[in-house]
Protein backbone atom coordinates (compact mmCIF):
# COMPACT_ATOMS: atom_id res chain seq x y z
CA MET A 1 24.12 12.85 -17.99
CA LEU A 2 21.10 14.42 -17.25
CA SER A 3 19.55 16.31 -20.14
CA HIS A 4 17.51 19.52 -20.07
CA GLY A 5 14.61 17.73 -20.82
CA ASN A 6 14.96 15.23 -17.55
CA LEU A 7 15.55 18.26 -15.23
CA MET A 8 12.78 20.00 -16.48
CA TYR A 9 10.49 16.97 -17.04
CA GLU A 10 11.29 16.31 -13.34
CA ALA A 11 9.95 20.27 -12.17
CA ASP A 12 7.57 20.40 -14.33
CA THR A 13 5.86 16.94 -12.54
CA VAL A 14 6.71 17.71 -9.21
CA ILE A 15 4.72 21.10 -9.52
CA ARG A 16 2.41 20.34 -11.16
CA ARG A 17 0.81 16.93 -8.56
CA TRP A 18 2.57 18.60 -5.68
CA GLU A 19 1.77 21.93 -5.37
CA PRO A 20 -0.95 22.44 -2.64
CA VAL A 21 1.57 20.49 -0.47
CA PHE A 22 3.89 24.02 -1.06
CA HIS A 23 0.99 26.05 0.65
CA THR A 24 0.38 26.91 5.06
CA LYS A 25 -2.78 27.73 3.08
CA LYS A 26 -4.19 28.32 0.06
CA GLY A 27 -3.57 31.56 -1.39
CA ASP A 28 -0.19 32.12 0.54
CA GLU A 29 3.21 32.62 -1.02
CA ALA A 30 5.14 29.29 -1.47
CA SER A 31 8.68 29.66 0.47
CA THR A 32 10.88 27.21 1.51
CA LEU A 33 14.56 26.76 3.14
CA LEU A 34 16.75 24.60 1.22
CA PHE A 35 19.36 23.03 3.20
CA LEU A 36 20.25 20.13 1.11
CA PRO A 37 23.35 20.66 -1.05
CA LEU A 38 22.94 21.74 -4.85
CA ALA A 39 26.08 19.08 -5.56
CA HIS A 40 23.46 16.37 -4.67
CA VAL A 41 20.64 15.54 -7.32
CA PHE A 42 18.01 16.45 -4.52
CA GLY A 43 19.15 19.56 -3.59
CA ARG A 44 19.88 20.82 -7.42
CA MET A 45 15.78 19.57 -8.11
CA VAL A 46 14.23 21.68 -5.77
CA GLU A 47 16.57 24.51 -6.96
CA VAL A 48 15.18 24.16 -10.42
CA ALA A 49 11.76 23.82 -9.04
CA THR A 50 11.35 26.67 -7.06
CA ILE A 51 13.25 28.91 -9.55
CA ARG A 52 10.70 27.23 -12.48
CA GLY A 53 6.93 27.45 -10.16
CA GLY A 54 7.78 30.75 -8.85
CA VAL A 55 8.31 29.81 -5.19
CA ARG A 56 10.35 32.11 -3.06
CA LEU A 57 14.00 30.16 -1.27
CA GLY A 58 16.34 30.91 1.18
CA HIS A 59 19.38 28.58 1.15
CA GLN A 60 21.54 27.38 4.52
CA PRO A 61 24.23 25.41 3.77
CA GLN A 62 24.68 23.96 7.57
CA LEU A 63 23.08 20.82 8.56
CA HIS A 64 23.55 20.79 11.90
CA ALA A 65 20.24 22.36 14.65
CA ALA A 66 22.61 25.30 15.94
CA ALA A 67 22.88 26.75 12.58
CA LEU A 68 19.38 25.05 10.82
CA LEU A 69 16.89 26.12 13.55
CA PRO A 70 17.24 29.32 14.29
CA ASP A 71 16.69 30.33 10.30
CA LEU A 72 14.14 28.20 10.37
CA GLN A 73 12.56 30.25 12.81
CA ALA A 74 13.50 33.34 11.00
CA PHE A 75 12.91 32.76 7.18
CA ARG A 76 9.71 30.92 8.23
CA PRO A 77 9.48 28.62 5.16
CA THR A 78 5.55 27.02 4.42
CA PHE A 79 7.10 24.32 3.01
CA ILE A 80 10.45 21.77 3.07
CA LEU A 81 12.17 18.73 1.60
CA ALA A 82 15.28 17.47 3.22
CA VAL A 83 16.43 13.99 3.71
CA PRO A 84 15.39 12.10 7.38
CA TYR A 85 18.12 13.18 9.27
CA ILE A 86 16.97 17.14 9.13
CA PHE A 87 13.36 15.53 11.15
CA GLU A 88 15.35 13.27 13.10
CA LYS A 89 17.51 17.27 14.54
CA VAL A 90 13.65 18.98 14.56
CA PHE A 91 12.24 15.97 16.49
CA ASN A 92 15.92 15.00 18.76
CA SER A 93 16.00 19.30 19.56
CA ALA A 94 12.18 18.88 21.17
CA ARG A 95 13.13 15.64 22.89
CA ARG A 96 16.58 17.13 24.55
CA LYS A 97 14.49 20.65 25.30
CA ALA A 98 11.70 19.13 26.75
CA GLU A 99 14.30 16.93 29.14
CA LYS A 100 16.14 19.68 30.18
CA GLU A 101 13.07 22.01 31.34
CA GLY A 102 11.65 18.44 33.28
CA ARG A 103 9.09 17.87 31.28
CA ASP A 104 10.76 14.59 29.12
CA GLY A 105 7.58 12.40 30.39
CA PRO A 106 4.65 14.79 29.16
CA PHE A 107 6.60 15.14 26.39
CA GLU A 108 6.68 11.45 24.96
CA LYS A 109 2.82 10.83 25.91
CA ALA A 110 2.75 13.70 23.55
CA VAL A 111 4.83 11.92 20.84
CA ASP A 112 2.62 8.31 21.83
CA ILE A 113 -0.64 10.31 21.64
CA ALA A 114 0.38 11.82 18.18
CA VAL A 115 2.02 8.26 16.34
CA LYS A 116 -1.77 7.18 17.58
CA TYR A 117 -3.95 10.15 16.63
CA ALA A 118 -1.82 10.49 12.99
CA ASP A 119 -2.80 6.02 12.50
CA ALA A 120 -5.87 5.93 13.53
CA VAL A 121 -6.45 8.74 11.15
CA GLU A 122 -4.34 7.29 8.11
CA ALA A 123 -6.23 4.26 9.03
CA LYS A 124 -9.91 5.69 7.91
CA ALA A 125 -8.04 7.63 5.46
CA TRP A 126 -7.50 3.60 3.85
CA GLY A 127 -10.96 2.15 5.24
CA THR A 128 -9.21 0.29 7.86
CA GLY A 129 -10.76 1.99 10.78
CA PRO A 130 -13.05 4.22 12.01
CA GLY A 131 -10.67 7.07 12.68
CA PRO A 132 -9.52 8.68 15.67
CA SER A 133 -11.57 8.46 19.09
CA ALA A 134 -12.95 11.18 21.52
CA GLY A 135 -10.82 10.09 24.07
CA LEU A 136 -7.98 10.72 21.75
CA ARG A 137 -9.10 13.91 20.20
CA MET A 138 -8.91 15.45 23.55
CA GLN A 139 -5.70 14.01 24.15
CA HIS A 140 -4.73 15.13 21.32
CA GLN A 141 -5.94 18.84 21.26
CA LEU A 142 -4.54 18.91 24.81
CA PHE A 143 -0.80 18.05 23.18
CA ASP A 144 -1.11 20.65 20.10
CA LYS A 145 -1.71 23.43 22.84
CA LEU A 146 1.55 22.55 24.77
CA VAL A 147 3.51 20.11 22.41
CA TYR A 148 2.78 20.34 19.04
CA SER A 149 2.40 24.29 18.34
CA LYS A 150 6.19 24.16 19.72
CA VAL A 151 7.72 21.72 17.33
CA ARG A 152 5.80 23.73 14.50
CA ALA A 153 6.85 26.80 16.19
CA ALA A 154 10.55 25.77 16.10
CA MET A 155 10.35 25.10 12.39
CA GLY A 156 9.07 29.13 11.78
CA GLY A 157 5.65 28.10 12.58
CA ARG A 158 3.71 27.76 9.57
CA ILE A 159 4.97 24.88 7.80
CA ARG A 160 2.23 22.07 7.63
CA ASN A 161 3.60 20.21 4.60
CA ALA A 162 7.09 18.75 3.40
CA MET A 163 8.91 15.95 1.20
CA SER A 164 11.12 13.56 2.35
CA GLY A 165 13.49 11.55 -0.01
CA GLY A 166 17.04 10.04 0.05
CA SER A 167 16.65 7.65 2.88
CA ALA A 168 13.83 5.57 4.31
CA MET A 169 12.36 7.40 7.38
CA ASP A 170 10.86 5.63 10.26
CA ARG A 171 7.22 5.14 9.39
CA ARG A 172 6.91 6.19 13.53
CA LEU A 173 8.75 9.46 12.81
CA GLY A 174 6.48 10.33 10.19
CA LEU A 175 2.75 9.61 11.79
CA PHE A 176 5.05 11.71 14.81
CA PHE A 177 4.92 14.68 12.79
CA ALA A 178 1.54 14.33 11.06
CA GLY A 179 0.05 14.44 14.58
CA ALA A 180 1.99 17.22 15.35
CA GLY A 181 0.09 19.01 12.19
CA VAL A 182 3.04 18.81 9.66
CA GLN A 183 2.09 15.76 7.18
CA ILE A 184 5.81 14.25 5.74
CA TYR A 185 5.45 13.02 2.27
CA GLU A 186 7.61 10.47 1.93
CA GLY A 187 9.49 9.71 -1.83
CA TYR A 188 12.22 7.75 -3.71
CA GLY A 189 14.47 8.38 -6.25
CA LEU A 190 18.36 8.67 -7.40
CA THR A 191 21.11 11.11 -9.13
CA GLU A 192 19.85 8.69 -12.16
CA SER A 193 16.21 9.66 -12.07
CA SER A 194 16.45 13.01 -11.49
CA ALA A 195 15.66 12.86 -8.04
CA ALA A 196 12.22 11.84 -7.44
CA ALA A 197 10.52 8.68 -9.34
CA THR A 198 7.82 7.95 -6.60
CA ALA A 199 6.64 10.05 -3.53
CA ASN A 200 3.08 10.36 -1.36
CA PRO A 201 0.35 11.71 -3.26
CA PRO A 202 -0.96 14.83 -1.38
CA GLU A 203 -4.34 12.92 -0.81
CA ARG A 204 -4.06 9.94 -0.03
CA THR A 205 -0.55 9.03 2.10
CA ARG A 206 0.93 5.44 3.27
CA TYR A 207 3.52 5.71 6.03
CA GLY A 208 6.49 3.68 5.40
CA THR A 209 6.37 3.39 1.90
CA VAL A 210 7.32 6.06 -0.79
CA GLY A 211 4.53 6.23 -2.51
CA GLN A 212 3.46 5.84 -6.05
CA PRO A 213 5.34 6.21 -9.58
CA ILE A 214 4.95 10.05 -10.04
CA PRO A 215 3.00 10.77 -13.59
CA GLY A 216 4.64 9.15 -16.58
CA VAL A 217 7.23 7.47 -14.54
CA THR A 218 6.33 3.22 -14.67
CA VAL A 219 7.82 0.77 -11.52
CA HIS A 220 8.75 -2.56 -12.58
CA ILE A 221 9.86 -5.42 -10.21
CA ALA A 222 11.79 -7.80 -11.30
CA ASP A 223 12.36 -11.21 -11.06
CA ASP A 224 14.79 -10.88 -8.16
CA GLY A 225 13.32 -7.88 -6.51
CA GLU A 226 15.02 -5.17 -8.10
CA VAL A 227 13.33 -1.75 -8.84
CA TRP A 228 13.16 -0.79 -12.71
CA LEU A 229 12.08 2.36 -13.28
CA HIS A 230 11.17 4.10 -16.78
CA GLY A 231 10.18 7.71 -17.82
CA GLY A 232 11.52 10.95 -19.20
CA ASN A 233 13.17 11.96 -15.65
CA VAL A 234 15.83 8.66 -16.46
CA PHE A 235 19.25 9.86 -17.07
CA GLN A 236 20.77 9.62 -20.65
CA GLY A 237 23.87 6.89 -19.59
CA TYR A 238 27.63 7.73 -17.45
CA LEU A 239 29.85 10.30 -19.62
CA ASN A 240 32.71 7.78 -21.24
CA ASN A 241 31.71 4.44 -19.31
CA GLN A 242 29.14 2.39 -22.20
CA LYS A 243 29.88 -0.85 -20.11
CA ALA A 244 29.10 0.71 -16.59
CA THR A 245 25.40 2.66 -19.07
CA ASP A 246 24.85 -0.63 -20.71
CA GLY A 247 24.48 -2.82 -17.10
CA THR A 248 22.32 0.02 -15.83
CA LEU A 249 19.69 1.00 -18.61
CA HIS A 250 18.21 -1.78 -20.66
CA ASP A 251 16.12 -0.13 -23.64
CA GLY A 252 15.19 2.81 -21.33
CA TRP A 253 14.78 0.85 -18.24
CA LEU A 254 16.75 2.34 -15.34
CA ALA A 255 18.15 -0.63 -13.30
CA THR A 256 18.33 0.86 -8.94
CA GLY A 257 19.91 -2.05 -7.42
CA ASP A 258 17.51 -0.98 -4.70
CA LEU A 259 15.01 -4.12 -4.12
CA GLY A 260 11.14 -3.56 -3.58
CA ALA A 261 7.95 -4.61 -3.64
CA LEU A 262 4.84 -2.84 -4.97
CA ASP A 263 1.68 -3.46 -2.81
CA GLU A 264 -1.94 -3.57 -3.71
CA ASP A 265 -2.28 0.35 -4.54
CA GLY A 266 0.38 0.35 -6.39
CA TYR A 267 2.71 2.00 -3.72
CA LEU A 268 6.59 0.75 -3.40
CA THR A 269 8.45 -0.18 -0.34
CA ILE A 270 12.25 -0.11 -0.60
CA THR A 271 13.59 -2.97 1.07
CA GLY A 272 17.09 -3.69 0.67
CA ARG A 273 19.55 -3.06 -1.91
CA LYS A 274 21.62 -6.60 -4.36
CA LYS A 275 24.99 -5.16 -2.72
CA GLU A 276 25.31 -4.62 0.81
CA ILE A 277 25.91 -0.89 0.52
CA LEU A 278 22.87 1.28 2.78
CA VAL A 279 22.05 4.84 2.75
CA THR A 280 21.98 6.87 5.80
CA SER A 281 18.91 9.36 6.87
CA GLY A 282 21.47 12.06 5.62
CA GLY A 283 21.95 10.16 2.53
CA LYS A 284 25.27 9.05 2.84
CA SER A 285 26.60 5.11 1.49
CA VAL A 286 27.90 2.86 4.72
CA SER A 287 28.16 -0.38 5.32
CA PRO A 288 25.66 -2.71 6.75
CA GLY A 289 27.84 -2.41 10.11
CA CYS A 290 28.27 1.17 10.29
CA TRP A 291 23.39 1.37 9.30
CA ARG A 292 22.90 -0.40 12.84
CA SER A 293 25.49 1.56 14.73
CA GLY A 294 24.50 4.97 13.87
CA CYS A 295 20.81 4.40 12.99
CA ALA A 296 18.45 6.68 14.41
CA SER A 297 14.72 6.20 15.61
CA ILE A 298 12.39 7.78 17.54
CA ARG A 299 11.11 4.95 20.95
């Protein structure tokens, strides 16, 4: 059971904290193309938040690349919110196109440069490195003209920021998109938390984590490693199922069933599930065997 207050808390918090990522450049009209099902809490909250924030919204209900990519190019959103599966599809489509054109070698080199460049930028932001070298910057500029600009064009040409949730994103995939000029802010949440409970902040991303708690939310790691959440976005309980409610809500704290760890800066990393159920990059629950055989990554 999600209350009106839950939904408004989530929408207003995300709008206030992440409003800068909705734009390609300062002062332009924010717009997004939604391709998540509205029966899914993530899709529903995107819909509610865009209406609440005055963002132009389009909807494409088909997730396959043949339908999605043309609509991205036609709608030209300034940002998107999606599950990792979507970013994998965009990446794999670009790779297949390069292979068909006989440019698979340069494409793989461009991927490597993008990852190294974004990794160096991240290290500098956290004070653990000097940033991209002169040689790396030159290679990055070259591949921006040859490869990265085409990846951005495939997404409509205006996207510079995106948010990802629903399941874990491969760190290397996130680094690639950042190096290609599309910063992805990964977050974490459940239906019971009205979607996002944590997300990487606009000014300081830590790839491979799901970020810090959104304003007003507290994350606690229990003795057994389970992630507990508390805040205005936590649901009211399960309808007509007090037993399940009592097993999940503890004095307002939501026991998520996920295992995780917080680093010294308060960034959350999800390490597994208490039960042997995993979530795919498309947001589906599967057994570990299916996960291992269907897991996608970039090499």
